Amino acid sequence: MNTLIDNFKQVVTGKYADFTGRADRKEYWLFVLAMIVISLVLGLFTTLFAKVKLLYILFAILYGAVSLALLIPSLAVTVRRLHDIGKGGGWIFISLIPFIGAIWLLILVIMKGEPDENRFGKPVE
């Protein structure tokens, strides 16, 4: 059974910049949930210490560093998720279209993956 923390560790350490293969909905959404929790916690600490300049700066730098460090695994798991539905990784750029692009990408990552092997490999078991 994949827990939130196990899944996050696997995506960040085991598949850091792996843009090949497939990621099922569970792997993708558990990673997204972990990213939301991390962002909320770091954002909360940054806001709580806004009046203490040194702590605010430290948490803001930490927030930026963590966000930058998790950019590549975020892109990689999204590309693998797109592979699971039979789309190429270039579809990630659909999100750059104002307004409709993010909605379109959201619909794509929500879709159920192809049950059989596709050009990107076998489904995740």
PDB file of N, CA and C in Angstrom:
ATOM      1  N   MET A   1       0.843  -1.183   0.000  1.00  0.00           N
ATOM      2  CA  MET A   1       0.000   0.000   0.000  1.00  0.00           C
ATOM      3  C   MET A   1       0.886   1.243   0.000  1.00  0.00           C
ATOM      4  N   ASN A   2       0.636   2.123  -0.926  1.00  0.00           N
ATOM      5  CA  ASN A   2       1.404   3.352  -1.064  1.00  0.00           C
ATOM      6  C   ASN A   2       0.840   4.431  -0.155  1.00  0.00           C
ATOM      7  N   THR A   3       1.632   4.885   0.802  1.00  0.00           N
ATOM      8  CA  THR A   3       1.186   5.989   1.637  1.00  0.00           C
ATOM      9  C   THR A   3       1.631   7.291   0.994  1.00  0.00           C
ATOM     10  N   LEU A   4       1.128   8.381   1.519  1.00  0.00           N
ATOM     11  CA  LEU A   4       1.465   9.695   0.994  1.00  0.00           C
ATOM     12  C   LEU A   4       2.971   9.937   1.040  1.00  0.00           C
ATOM     13  N   ILE A   5       3.579   9.638   2.171  1.00  0.00           N
ATOM     14  CA  ILE A   5       5.018   9.889   2.340  1.00  0.00           C
ATOM     15  C   ILE A   5       5.844   8.944   1.477  1.00  0.00           C
ATOM     16  N   ASP A   6       5.476   7.654   1.440  1.00  0.00           N
ATOM     17  CA  ASP A   6       6.205   6.699   0.599  1.00  0.00           C
ATOM     18  C   ASP A   6       6.146   7.098  -0.871  1.00  0.00           C
ATOM     19  N   ASN A   7       4.962   7.479  -1.318  1.00  0.00           N
ATOM     20  CA  ASN A   7       4.802   7.890  -2.704  1.00  0.00           C
ATOM     21  C   ASN A   7       5.643   9.135  -2.995  1.00  0.00           C
ATOM     22  N   PHE A   8       5.618  10.111  -2.087  1.00  0.00           N
ATOM     23  CA  PHE A   8       6.395  11.337  -2.276  1.00  0.00           C
ATOM     24  C   PHE A   8       7.890  11.021  -2.363  1.00  0.00           C
ATOM     25  N   LYS A   9       8.378  10.174  -1.450  1.00  0.00           N
ATOM     26  CA  LYS A   9       9.799   9.798  -1.472  1.00  0.00           C
ATOM     27  C   LYS A   9      10.158   9.079  -2.766  1.00  0.00           C
ATOM     28  N   GLN A  10       9.281   8.203  -3.229  1.00  0.00           N
ATOM     29  CA  GLN A  10       9.552   7.460  -4.458  1.00  0.00           C
ATOM     30  C   GLN A  10       9.631   8.405  -5.660  1.00  0.00           C
ATOM     31  N   VAL A  11       8.706   9.355  -5.753  1.00  0.00           N
ATOM     32  CA  VAL A  11       8.699  10.284  -6.886  1.00  0.00           C
ATOM     33  C   VAL A  11       9.909  11.211  -6.829  1.00  0.00           C
ATOM     34  N   VAL A  12      10.238  11.690  -5.629  1.00  0.00           N
ATOM     35  CA  VAL A  12      11.327  12.672  -5.512  1.00  0.00           C
ATOM     36  C   VAL A  12      12.712  12.021  -5.587  1.00  0.00           C
ATOM     37  N   THR A  13      12.894  10.876  -4.966  1.00  0.00           N
ATOM     38  CA  THR A  13      14.224  10.268  -4.961  1.00  0.00           C
ATOM     39  C   THR A  13      14.399   9.233  -6.063  1.00  0.00           C
ATOM     40  N   GLY A  14      13.425   8.362  -6.256  1.00  0.00           N
ATOM     41  CA  GLY A  14      13.564   7.283  -7.222  1.00  0.00           C
ATOM     42  C   GLY A  14      13.295   7.682  -8.657  1.00  0.00           C
ATOM     43  N   LYS A  15      12.445   8.680  -8.849  1.00  0.00           N
ATOM     44  CA  LYS A  15      12.050   9.083 -10.202  1.00  0.00           C
ATOM     45  C   LYS A  15      12.215  10.583 -10.389  1.00  0.00           C
ATOM     46  N   TYR A  16      13.239  11.171  -9.791  1.00  0.00           N
ATOM     47  CA  TYR A  16      13.401  12.632  -9.740  1.00  0.00           C
ATOM     48  C   TYR A  16      13.220  13.289 -11.109  1.00  0.00           C
ATOM     49  N   ALA A  17      13.961  12.835 -12.099  1.00  0.00           N
ATOM     50  CA  ALA A  17      13.880  13.438 -13.434  1.00  0.00           C
ATOM     51  C   ALA A  17      13.547  12.375 -14.471  1.00  0.00           C
ATOM     52  N   ASP A  18      12.733  11.399 -14.089  1.00  0.00           N
ATOM     53  CA  ASP A  18      12.345  10.313 -14.985  1.00  0.00           C
ATOM     54  C   ASP A  18      11.093  10.719 -15.753  1.00  0.00           C
ATOM     55  N   PHE A  19      11.297  11.075 -17.009  1.00  0.00           N
ATOM     56  CA  PHE A  19      10.187  11.504 -17.850  1.00  0.00           C
ATOM     57  C   PHE A  19       9.681  10.358 -18.727  1.00  0.00           C
ATOM     58  N   THR A  20      10.146   9.136 -18.460  1.00  0.00           N
ATOM     59  CA  THR A  20       9.728   7.976 -19.240  1.00  0.00           C
ATOM     60  C   THR A  20       8.794   7.109 -18.411  1.00  0.00           C
ATOM     61  N   GLY A  21       8.010   6.318 -19.093  1.00  0.00           N
ATOM     62  CA  GLY A  21       7.100   5.426 -18.385  1.00  0.00           C
ATOM     63  C   GLY A  21       5.772   6.090 -18.097  1.00  0.00           C
ATOM     64  N   ARG A  22       5.055   5.489 -17.156  1.00  0.00           N
ATOM     65  CA  ARG A  22       3.701   5.940 -16.864  1.00  0.00           C
ATOM     66  C   ARG A  22       3.509   6.146 -15.367  1.00  0.00           C
ATOM     67  N   ALA A  23       2.595   7.027 -15.014  1.00  0.00           N
ATOM     68  CA  ALA A  23       2.217   7.264 -13.618  1.00  0.00           C
ATOM     69  C   ALA A  23       0.695   7.185 -13.542  1.00  0.00           C
ATOM     70  N   ASP A  24       0.193   6.300 -12.700  1.00  0.00           N
ATOM     71  CA  ASP A  24      -1.265   6.192 -12.574  1.00  0.00           C
ATOM     72  C   ASP A  24      -1.818   7.371 -11.779  1.00  0.00           C
ATOM     73  N   ARG A  25      -3.142   7.417 -11.723  1.00  0.00           N
ATOM     74  CA  ARG A  25      -3.776   8.544 -11.028  1.00  0.00           C
ATOM     75  C   ARG A  25      -3.371   8.604  -9.566  1.00  0.00           C
ATOM     76  N   LYS A  26      -3.252   7.465  -8.910  1.00  0.00           N
ATOM     77  CA  LYS A  26      -2.914   7.451  -7.486  1.00  0.00           C
ATOM     78  C   LYS A  26      -1.540   8.073  -7.245  1.00  0.00           C
ATOM     79  N   GLU A  27      -0.546   7.661  -8.037  1.00  0.00           N
ATOM     80  CA  GLU A  27       0.805   8.213  -7.870  1.00  0.00           C
ATOM     81  C   GLU A  27       0.797   9.722  -8.083  1.00  0.00           C
ATOM     82  N   TYR A  28       0.120  10.171  -9.123  1.00  0.00           N
ATOM     83  CA  TYR A  28       0.080  11.592  -9.445  1.00  0.00           C
ATOM     84  C   TYR A  28      -0.617  12.398  -8.352  1.00  0.00           C
ATOM     85  N   TRP A  29      -1.816  11.983  -7.951  1.00  0.00           N
ATOM     86  CA  TRP A  29      -2.594  12.777  -6.999  1.00  0.00           C
ATOM     87  C   TRP A  29      -2.035  12.716  -5.586  1.00  0.00           C
ATOM     88  N   LEU A  30      -1.392  11.614  -5.205  1.00  0.00           N
ATOM     89  CA  LEU A  30      -0.724  11.586  -3.901  1.00  0.00           C
ATOM     90  C   LEU A  30       0.446  12.569  -3.884  1.00  0.00           C
ATOM     91  N   PHE A  31       1.163  12.659  -5.014  1.00  0.00           N
ATOM     92  CA  PHE A  31       2.255  13.626  -5.101  1.00  0.00           C
ATOM     93  C   PHE A  31       1.714  15.052  -5.046  1.00  0.00           C
ATOM     94  N   VAL A  32       0.638  15.317  -5.760  1.00  0.00           N
ATOM     95  CA  VAL A  32       0.022  16.653  -5.742  1.00  0.00           C
ATOM     96  C   VAL A  32      -0.427  17.003  -4.326  1.00  0.00           C
ATOM     97  N   LEU A  33      -1.045  16.047  -3.631  1.00  0.00           N
ATOM     98  CA  LEU A  33      -1.478  16.288  -2.254  1.00  0.00           C
ATOM     99  C   LEU A  33      -0.287  16.616  -1.350  1.00  0.00           C
ATOM    100  N   ALA A  34       0.809  15.873  -1.498  1.00  0.00           N
ATOM    101  CA  ALA A  34       2.007  16.154  -0.705  1.00  0.00           C
ATOM    102  C   ALA A  34       2.547  17.552  -1.010  1.00  0.00           C
ATOM    103  N   MET A  35       2.516  17.946  -2.277  1.00  0.00           N
ATOM    104  CA  MET A  35       2.987  19.285  -2.656  1.00  0.00           C
ATOM    105  C   MET A  35       2.105  20.366  -2.036  1.00  0.00           C
ATOM    106  N   ILE A  36       0.804  20.124  -1.992  1.00  0.00           N
ATOM    107  CA  ILE A  36      -0.119  21.092  -1.389  1.00  0.00           C
ATOM    108  C   ILE A  36       0.164  21.222   0.099  1.00  0.00           C
ATOM    109  N   VAL A  37       0.362  20.102   0.775  1.00  0.00           N
ATOM    110  CA  VAL A  37       0.645  20.128   2.219  1.00  0.00           C
ATOM    111  C   VAL A  37       1.945  20.882   2.485  1.00  0.00           C
ATOM    112  N   ILE A  38       2.983  20.587   1.720  1.00  0.00           N
ATOM    113  CA  ILE A  38       4.273  21.271   1.892  1.00  0.00           C
ATOM    114  C   ILE A  38       4.117  22.769   1.660  1.00  0.00           C
ATOM    115  N   SER A  39       3.412  23.151   0.605  1.00  0.00           N
ATOM    116  CA  SER A  39       3.202  24.572   0.307  1.00  0.00           C
ATOM    117  C   SER A  39       2.422  25.273   1.409  1.00  0.00           C
ATOM    118  N   LEU A  40       1.376  24.605   1.904  1.00  0.00           N
ATOM    119  CA  LEU A  40       0.588  25.209   2.981  1.00  0.00           C
ATOM    120  C   LEU A  40       1.408  25.399   4.252  1.00  0.00           C
ATOM    121  N   VAL A  41       2.194  24.393   4.615  1.00  0.00           N
ATOM    122  CA  VAL A  41       2.998  24.485   5.838  1.00  0.00           C
ATOM    123  C   VAL A  41       4.046  25.589   5.707  1.00  0.00           C
ATOM    124  N   LEU A  42       4.786  25.592   4.607  1.00  0.00           N
ATOM    125  CA  LEU A  42       5.814  26.622   4.430  1.00  0.00           C
ATOM    126  C   LEU A  42       5.190  28.012   4.291  1.00  0.00           C
ATOM    127  N   GLY A  43       4.071  28.100   3.598  1.00  0.00           N
ATOM    128  CA  GLY A  43       3.376  29.377   3.483  1.00  0.00           C
ATOM    129  C   GLY A  43       2.860  29.874   4.823  1.00  0.00           C
ATOM    130  N   LEU A  44       2.372  28.944   5.639  1.00  0.00           N
ATOM    131  CA  LEU A  44       1.887  29.302   6.971  1.00  0.00           C
ATOM    132  C   LEU A  44       3.017  29.842   7.840  1.00  0.00           C
ATOM    133  N   PHE A  45       4.154  29.139   7.835  1.00  0.00           N
ATOM    134  CA  PHE A  45       5.289  29.616   8.635  1.00  0.00           C
ATOM    135  C   PHE A  45       5.808  30.958   8.124  1.00  0.00           C
ATOM    136  N   THR A  46       5.834  31.124   6.817  1.00  0.00           N
ATOM    137  CA  THR A  46       6.281  32.405   6.253  1.00  0.00           C
ATOM    138  C   THR A  46       5.347  33.527   6.687  1.00  0.00           C
ATOM    139  N   THR A  47       4.045  33.251   6.699  1.00  0.00           N
ATOM    140  CA  THR A  47       3.069  34.264   7.113  1.00  0.00           C
ATOM    141  C   THR A  47       3.136  34.525   8.616  1.00  0.00           C
ATOM    142  N   LEU A  48       3.276  33.459   9.402  1.00  0.00           N
ATOM    143  CA  LEU A  48       3.331  33.622  10.860  1.00  0.00           C
ATOM    144  C   LEU A  48       4.521  34.469  11.305  1.00  0.00           C
ATOM    145  N   PHE A  49       5.629  34.319  10.605  1.00  0.00           N
ATOM    146  CA  PHE A  49       6.836  35.044  10.996  1.00  0.00           C
ATOM    147  C   PHE A  49       7.075  36.285  10.142  1.00  0.00           C
ATOM    148  N   ALA A  50       6.020  36.824   9.552  1.00  0.00           N
ATOM    149  CA  ALA A  50       6.151  37.994   8.685  1.00  0.00           C
ATOM    150  C   ALA A  50       6.680  39.219   9.432  1.00  0.00           C
ATOM    151  N   LYS A  51       6.386  39.313  10.730  1.00  0.00           N
ATOM    152  CA  LYS A  51       6.815  40.492  11.498  1.00  0.00           C
ATOM    153  C   LYS A  51       8.242  40.358  12.016  1.00  0.00           C
ATOM    154  N   VAL A  52       8.766  39.126  12.041  1.00  0.00           N
ATOM    155  CA  VAL A  52      10.155  38.906  12.460  1.00  0.00           C
ATOM    156  C   VAL A  52      10.971  38.777  11.179  1.00  0.00           C
ATOM    157  N   LYS A  53      11.612  39.872  10.823  1.00  0.00           N
ATOM    158  CA  LYS A  53      12.228  39.987   9.508  1.00  0.00           C
ATOM    159  C   LYS A  53      13.186  38.838   9.175  1.00  0.00           C
ATOM    160  N   LEU A  54      14.071  38.464  10.102  1.00  0.00           N
ATOM    161  CA  LEU A  54      15.051  37.417   9.834  1.00  0.00           C
ATOM    162  C   LEU A  54      14.365  36.074   9.583  1.00  0.00           C
ATOM    163  N   LEU A  55      13.390  35.717  10.429  1.00  0.00           N
ATOM    164  CA  LEU A  55      12.680  34.451  10.245  1.00  0.00           C
ATOM    165  C   LEU A  55      11.853  34.467   8.966  1.00  0.00           C
ATOM    166  N   TYR A  56      11.255  35.602   8.670  1.00  0.00           N
ATOM    167  CA  TYR A  56      10.486  35.727   7.437  1.00  0.00           C
ATOM    168  C   TYR A  56      11.377  35.480   6.227  1.00  0.00           C
ATOM    169  N   ILE A  57      12.537  36.095   6.218  1.00  0.00           N
ATOM    170  CA  ILE A  57      13.475  35.927   5.101  1.00  0.00           C
ATOM    171  C   ILE A  57      13.929  34.476   5.005  1.00  0.00           C
ATOM    172  N   LEU A  58      14.243  33.857   6.146  1.00  0.00           N
ATOM    173  CA  LEU A  58      14.682  32.459   6.139  1.00  0.00           C
ATOM    174  C   LEU A  58      13.600  31.528   5.596  1.00  0.00           C
ATOM    175  N   PHE A  59      12.358  31.705   6.052  1.00  0.00           N
ATOM    176  CA  PHE A  59      11.284  30.851   5.558  1.00  0.00           C
ATOM    177  C   PHE A  59      10.945  31.146   4.098  1.00  0.00           C
ATOM    178  N   ALA A  60      11.049  32.383   3.681  1.00  0.00           N
ATOM    179  CA  ALA A  60      10.800  32.724   2.279  1.00  0.00           C
ATOM    180  C   ALA A  60      11.855  32.079   1.377  1.00  0.00           C
ATOM    181  N   ILE A  61      13.112  32.106   1.827  1.00  0.00           N
ATOM    182  CA  ILE A  61      14.188  31.459   1.065  1.00  0.00           C
ATOM    183  C   ILE A  61      13.985  29.943   1.034  1.00  0.00           C
ATOM    184  N   LEU A  62      13.613  29.372   2.180  1.00  0.00           N
ATOM    185  CA  LEU A  62      13.349  27.931   2.242  1.00  0.00           C
ATOM    186  C   LEU A  62      12.196  27.555   1.321  1.00  0.00           C
ATOM    187  N   TYR A  63      11.141  28.350   1.346  1.00  0.00           N
ATOM    188  CA  TYR A  63       9.979  28.108   0.490  1.00  0.00           C
ATOM    189  C   TYR A  63      10.393  28.128  -0.983  1.00  0.00           C
ATOM    190  N   GLY A  64      11.174  29.119  -1.360  1.00  0.00           N
ATOM    191  CA  GLY A  64      11.644  29.225  -2.738  1.00  0.00           C
ATOM    192  C   GLY A  64      12.546  28.068  -3.133  1.00  0.00           C
ATOM    193  N   ALA A  65      13.445  27.680  -2.229  1.00  0.00           N
ATOM    194  CA  ALA A  65      14.368  26.585  -2.513  1.00  0.00           C
ATOM    195  C   ALA A  65      13.626  25.253  -2.665  1.00  0.00           C
ATOM    196  N   VAL A  66      12.677  25.000  -1.788  1.00  0.00           N
ATOM    197  CA  VAL A  66      11.893  23.762  -1.872  1.00  0.00           C
ATOM    198  C   VAL A  66      11.079  23.750  -3.158  1.00  0.00           C
ATOM    199  N   SER A  67      10.469  24.861  -3.492  1.00  0.00           N
ATOM    200  CA  SER A  67       9.677  24.944  -4.725  1.00  0.00           C
ATOM    201  C   SER A  67      10.544  24.681  -5.952  1.00  0.00           C
ATOM    202  N   LEU A  68      11.722  25.256  -5.962  1.00  0.00           N
ATOM    203  CA  LEU A  68      12.643  25.056  -7.078  1.00  0.00           C
ATOM    204  C   LEU A  68      13.128  23.612  -7.142  1.00  0.00           C
ATOM    205  N   ALA A  69      13.427  23.018  -5.998  1.00  0.00           N
ATOM    206  CA  ALA A  69      13.902  21.635  -5.954  1.00  0.00           C
ATOM    207  C   ALA A  69      12.834  20.645  -6.410  1.00  0.00           C
ATOM    208  N   LEU A  70      11.568  20.975  -6.184  1.00  0.00           N
ATOM    209  CA  LEU A  70      10.476  20.065  -6.539  1.00  0.00           C
ATOM    210  C   LEU A  70       9.886  20.340  -7.921  1.00  0.00           C
ATOM    211  N   LEU A  71      10.435  21.310  -8.638  1.00  0.00           N
ATOM    212  CA  LEU A  71       9.930  21.633  -9.968  1.00  0.00           C
ATOM    213  C   LEU A  71      10.120  20.474 -10.947  1.00  0.00           C
ATOM    214  N   ILE A  72      11.330  19.911 -10.993  1.00  0.00           N
ATOM    215  CA  ILE A  72      11.620  18.819 -11.933  1.00  0.00           C
ATOM    216  C   ILE A  72      10.773  17.579 -11.637  1.00  0.00           C
ATOM    217  N   PRO A  73      10.695  17.109 -10.367  1.00  0.00           N
ATOM    218  CA  PRO A  73       9.830  15.947 -10.140  1.00  0.00           C
ATOM    219  C   PRO A  73       8.350  16.230 -10.428  1.00  0.00           C
ATOM    220  N   SER A  74       7.911  17.463 -10.232  1.00  0.00           N
ATOM    221  CA  SER A  74       6.525  17.814 -10.554  1.00  0.00           C
ATOM    222  C   SER A  74       6.266  17.699 -12.050  1.00  0.00           C
ATOM    223  N   LEU A  75       7.182  18.232 -12.834  1.00  0.00           N
ATOM    224  CA  LEU A  75       7.048  18.130 -14.289  1.00  0.00           C
ATOM    225  C   LEU A  75       7.124  16.675 -14.738  1.00  0.00           C
ATOM    226  N   ALA A  76       8.048  15.915 -14.148  1.00  0.00           N
ATOM    227  CA  ALA A  76       8.241  14.520 -14.542  1.00  0.00           C
ATOM    228  C   ALA A  76       7.007  13.672 -14.243  1.00  0.00           C
ATOM    229  N   VAL A  77       6.428  13.817 -13.054  1.00  0.00           N
ATOM    230  CA  VAL A  77       5.252  13.008 -12.715  1.00  0.00           C
ATOM    231  C   VAL A  77       4.054  13.428 -13.577  1.00  0.00           C
ATOM    232  N   THR A  78       3.968  14.697 -13.952  1.00  0.00           N
ATOM    233  CA  THR A  78       2.886  15.140 -14.827  1.00  0.00           C
ATOM    234  C   THR A  78       3.049  14.556 -16.231  1.00  0.00           C
ATOM    235  N   VAL A  79       4.268  14.545 -16.729  1.00  0.00           N
ATOM    236  CA  VAL A  79       4.523  13.953 -18.045  1.00  0.00           C
ATOM    237  C   VAL A  79       4.211  12.457 -18.018  1.00  0.00           C
ATOM    238  N   ARG A  80       4.632  11.767 -16.968  1.00  0.00           N
ATOM    239  CA  ARG A  80       4.325  10.335 -16.857  1.00  0.00           C
ATOM    240  C   ARG A  80       2.822  10.100 -16.756  1.00  0.00           C
ATOM    241  N   ARG A  81       2.117  11.017 -16.088  1.00  0.00           N
ATOM    242  CA  ARG A  81       0.659  10.903 -15.992  1.00  0.00           C
ATOM    243  C   ARG A  81       0.024  11.049 -17.379  1.00  0.00           C
ATOM    244  N   LEU A  82       0.525  11.993 -18.164  1.00  0.00           N
ATOM    245  CA  LEU A  82       0.044  12.159 -19.534  1.00  0.00           C
ATOM    246  C   LEU A  82       0.340  10.917 -20.369  1.00  0.00           C
ATOM    247  N   HIS A  83       1.496  10.302 -20.145  1.00  0.00           N
ATOM    248  CA  HIS A  83       1.824   9.059 -20.845  1.00  0.00           C
ATOM    249  C   HIS A  83       0.808   7.966 -20.523  1.00  0.00           C
ATOM    250  N   ASP A  84       0.315   7.956 -19.299  1.00  0.00           N
ATOM    251  CA  ASP A  84      -0.629   6.923 -18.875  1.00  0.00           C
ATOM    252  C   ASP A  84      -1.935   6.992 -19.659  1.00  0.00           C
ATOM    253  N   ILE A  85      -2.297   8.173 -20.124  1.00  0.00           N
ATOM    254  CA  ILE A  85      -3.532   8.295 -20.917  1.00  0.00           C
ATOM    255  C   ILE A  85      -3.231   8.287 -22.414  1.00  0.00           C
ATOM    256  N   GLY A  86      -1.969   8.016 -22.772  1.00  0.00           N
ATOM    257  CA  GLY A  86      -1.601   7.897 -24.178  1.00  0.00           C
ATOM    258  C   GLY A  86      -1.190   9.189 -24.844  1.00  0.00           C
ATOM    259  N   LYS A  87      -0.975  10.245 -24.076  1.00  0.00           N
ATOM    260  CA  LYS A  87      -0.566  11.540 -24.627  1.00  0.00           C
ATOM    261  C   LYS A  87       0.943  11.728 -24.446  1.00  0.00           C
ATOM    262  N   GLY A  88       1.557  12.431 -25.360  1.00  0.00           N
ATOM    263  CA  GLY A  88       2.969  12.749 -25.248  1.00  0.00           C
ATOM    264  C   GLY A  88       3.211  13.819 -24.195  1.00  0.00           C
ATOM    265  N   GLY A  89       4.444  13.910 -23.746  1.00  0.00           N
ATOM    266  CA  GLY A  89       4.798  14.870 -22.711  1.00  0.00           C
ATOM    267  C   GLY A  89       4.624  16.320 -23.129  1.00  0.00           C
ATOM    268  N   GLY A  90       4.643  16.589 -24.417  1.00  0.00           N
ATOM    269  CA  GLY A  90       4.457  17.956 -24.907  1.00  0.00           C
ATOM    270  C   GLY A  90       3.103  18.547 -24.548  1.00  0.00           C
ATOM    271  N   TRP A  91       2.152  17.697 -24.214  1.00  0.00           N
ATOM    272  CA  TRP A  91       0.831  18.184 -23.825  1.00  0.00           C
ATOM    273  C   TRP A  91       0.874  19.000 -22.541  1.00  0.00           C
ATOM    274  N   ILE A  92       1.967  18.912 -21.803  1.00  0.00           N
ATOM    275  CA  ILE A  92       2.084  19.707 -20.568  1.00  0.00           C
ATOM    276  C   ILE A  92       2.049  21.202 -20.894  1.00  0.00           C
ATOM    277  N   PHE A  93       2.493  21.565 -22.103  1.00  0.00           N
ATOM    278  CA  PHE A  93       2.528  22.976 -22.493  1.00  0.00           C
ATOM    279  C   PHE A  93       1.134  23.550 -22.759  1.00  0.00           C
ATOM    280  N   ILE A  94       0.120  22.699 -22.792  1.00  0.00           N
ATOM    281  CA  ILE A  94      -1.253  23.179 -22.971  1.00  0.00           C
ATOM    282  C   ILE A  94      -1.631  24.121 -21.835  1.00  0.00           C
ATOM    283  N   SER A  95      -0.992  23.931 -20.684  1.00  0.00           N
ATOM    284  CA  SER A  95      -1.295  24.772 -19.520  1.00  0.00           C
ATOM    285  C   SER A  95      -0.838  26.215 -19.710  1.00  0.00           C
ATOM    286  N   LEU A  96      -0.032  26.483 -20.713  1.00  0.00           N
ATOM    287  CA  LEU A  96       0.433  27.851 -20.967  1.00  0.00           C
ATOM    288  C   LEU A  96      -0.614  28.705 -21.675  1.00  0.00           C
ATOM    289  N   ILE A  97      -1.663  28.064 -22.198  1.00  0.00           N
ATOM    290  CA  ILE A  97      -2.747  28.824 -22.827  1.00  0.00           C
ATOM    291  C   ILE A  97      -3.562  29.469 -21.707  1.00  0.00           C
ATOM    292  N   PRO A  98      -3.725  30.781 -21.745  1.00  0.00           N
ATOM    293  CA  PRO A  98      -4.465  31.450 -20.667  1.00  0.00           C
ATOM    294  C   PRO A  98      -5.872  30.878 -20.476  1.00  0.00           C
ATOM    295  N   PHE A  99      -6.260  30.779 -19.223  1.00  0.00           N
ATOM    296  CA  PHE A  99      -7.574  30.327 -18.770  1.00  0.00           C
ATOM    297  C   PHE A  99      -7.866  28.863 -19.110  1.00  0.00           C
ATOM    298  N   ILE A 100      -8.064  28.555 -20.384  1.00  0.00           N
ATOM    299  CA  ILE A 100      -8.530  27.225 -20.776  1.00  0.00           C
ATOM    300  C   ILE A 100      -7.431  26.160 -20.642  1.00  0.00           C
ATOM    301  N   GLY A 101      -6.178  26.560 -20.753  1.00  0.00           N
ATOM    302  CA  GLY A 101      -5.076  25.598 -20.736  1.00  0.00           C
ATOM    303  C   GLY A 101      -4.977  24.816 -19.439  1.00  0.00           C
ATOM    304  N   ALA A 102      -5.066  25.499 -18.310  1.00  0.00           N
ATOM    305  CA  ALA A 102      -4.980  24.813 -17.014  1.00  0.00           C
ATOM    306  C   ALA A 102      -6.165  23.879 -16.807  1.00  0.00           C
ATOM    307  N   ILE A 103      -7.328  24.299 -17.260  1.00  0.00           N
ATOM    308  CA  ILE A 103      -8.526  23.459 -17.140  1.00  0.00           C
ATOM    309  C   ILE A 103      -8.372  22.214 -18.014  1.00  0.00           C
ATOM    310  N   TRP A 104      -7.850  22.410 -19.208  1.00  0.00           N
ATOM    311  CA  TRP A 104      -7.651  21.307 -20.133  1.00  0.00           C
ATOM    312  C   TRP A 104      -6.656  20.294 -19.552  1.00  0.00           C
ATOM    313  N   LEU A 105      -5.545  20.787 -19.004  1.00  0.00           N
ATOM    314  CA  LEU A 105      -4.559  19.890 -18.394  1.00  0.00           C
ATOM    315  C   LEU A 105      -5.173  19.162 -17.201  1.00  0.00           C
ATOM    316  N   LEU A 106      -5.967  19.849 -16.405  1.00  0.00           N
ATOM    317  CA  LEU A 106      -6.638  19.217 -15.277  1.00  0.00           C
ATOM    318  C   LEU A 106      -7.529  18.067 -15.747  1.00  0.00           C
ATOM    319  N   ILE A 107      -8.277  18.302 -16.803  1.00  0.00           N
ATOM    320  CA  ILE A 107      -9.134  17.248 -17.355  1.00  0.00           C
ATOM    321  C   ILE A 107      -8.287  16.064 -17.820  1.00  0.00           C
ATOM    322  N   LEU A 108      -7.154  16.345 -18.462  1.00  0.00           N
ATOM    323  CA  LEU A 108      -6.286  15.266 -18.940  1.00  0.00           C
ATOM    324  C   LEU A 108      -5.744  14.422 -17.791  1.00  0.00           C
ATOM    325  N   VAL A 109      -5.278  15.067 -16.709  1.00  0.00           N
ATOM    326  CA  VAL A 109      -4.697  14.280 -15.615  1.00  0.00           C
ATOM    327  C   VAL A 109      -5.759  13.573 -14.783  1.00  0.00           C
ATOM    328  N   ILE A 110      -7.011  13.993 -14.891  1.00  0.00           N
ATOM    329  CA  ILE A 110      -8.103  13.314 -14.190  1.00  0.00           C
ATOM    330  C   ILE A 110      -8.531  12.043 -14.933  1.00  0.00           C
ATOM    331  N   MET A 111      -8.344  12.033 -16.241  1.00  0.00           N
ATOM    332  CA  MET A 111      -8.807  10.910 -17.060  1.00  0.00           C
ATOM    333  C   MET A 111      -8.191   9.586 -16.608  1.00  0.00           C
ATOM    334  N   LYS A 112      -8.954   8.529 -16.802  1.00  0.00           N
ATOM    335  CA  LYS A 112      -8.486   7.190 -16.475  1.00  0.00           C
ATOM    336  C   LYS A 112      -7.417   6.782 -17.485  1.00  0.00           C
ATOM    337  N   GLY A 113      -6.367   6.132 -16.998  1.00  0.00           N
ATOM    338  CA  GLY A 113      -5.286   5.688 -17.867  1.00  0.00           C
ATOM    339  C   GLY A 113      -5.708   4.551 -18.777  1.00  0.00           C
ATOM    340  N   GLU A 114      -4.943   4.347 -19.841  1.00  0.00           N
ATOM    341  CA  GLU A 114      -5.220   3.251 -20.758  1.00  0.00           C
ATOM    342  C   GLU A 114      -4.931   1.927 -20.050  1.00  0.00           C
ATOM    343  N   PRO A 115      -5.853   0.977 -20.125  1.00  0.00           N
ATOM    344  CA  PRO A 115      -5.686  -0.261 -19.371  1.00  0.00           C
ATOM    345  C   PRO A 115      -4.611  -1.190 -19.934  1.00  0.00           C
ATOM    346  N   ASP A 116      -4.320  -1.054 -21.219  1.00  0.00           N
ATOM    347  CA  ASP A 116      -3.341  -1.933 -21.863  1.00  0.00           C
ATOM    348  C   ASP A 116      -2.033  -1.192 -22.099  1.00  0.00           C
ATOM    349  N   GLU A 117      -1.040  -1.939 -22.527  1.00  0.00           N
ATOM    350  CA  GLU A 117       0.252  -1.326 -22.837  1.00  0.00           C
ATOM    351  C   GLU A 117       0.068  -0.342 -23.990  1.00  0.00           C
ATOM    352  N   ASN A 118       0.721   0.821 -23.857  1.00  0.00           N
ATOM    353  CA  ASN A 118       0.704   1.790 -24.942  1.00  0.00           C
ATOM    354  C   ASN A 118       2.151   2.082 -25.336  1.00  0.00           C
ATOM    355  N   ARG A 119       2.367   3.082 -26.163  1.00  0.00           N
ATOM    356  CA  ARG A 119       3.723   3.360 -26.652  1.00  0.00           C
ATOM    357  C   ARG A 119       4.679   3.805 -25.544  1.00  0.00           C
ATOM    358  N   PHE A 120       4.156   4.092 -24.355  1.00  0.00           N
ATOM    359  CA  PHE A 120       4.986   4.539 -23.245  1.00  0.00           C
ATOM    360  C   PHE A 120       5.270   3.426 -22.238  1.00  0.00           C
ATOM    361  N   GLY A 121       4.707   2.263 -22.464  1.00  0.00           N
ATOM    362  CA  GLY A 121       4.973   1.138 -21.583  1.00  0.00           C
ATOM    363  C   GLY A 121       3.714   0.510 -21.024  1.00  0.00           C
ATOM    364  N   LYS A 122       3.939  -0.414 -20.101  1.00  0.00           N
ATOM    365  CA  LYS A 122       2.839  -1.119 -19.465  1.00  0.00           C
ATOM    366  C   LYS A 122       2.239  -0.246 -18.367  1.00  0.00           C
ATOM    367  N   PRO A 123       0.963  -0.484 -18.042  1.00  0.00           N
ATOM    368  CA  PRO A 123       0.350   0.276 -16.947  1.00  0.00           C
ATOM    369  C   PRO A 123       1.032  -0.017 -15.617  1.00  0.00           C
ATOM    370  N   VAL A 124       0.990   0.947 -14.728  1.00  0.00           N
ATOM    371  CA  VAL A 124       1.561   0.781 -13.393  1.00  0.00           C
ATOM    372  C   VAL A 124       0.692  -0.206 -12.637  1.00  0.00           C
ATOM    373  N   GLU A 125       1.349  -1.133 -11.953  1.00  0.00           N
ATOM    374  CA  GLU A 125       0.584  -2.142 -11.192  1.00  0.00           C
ATOM    375  C   GLU A 125       0.519  -1.803  -9.741  1.00  0.00           C
TER     376      GLU A 125
END
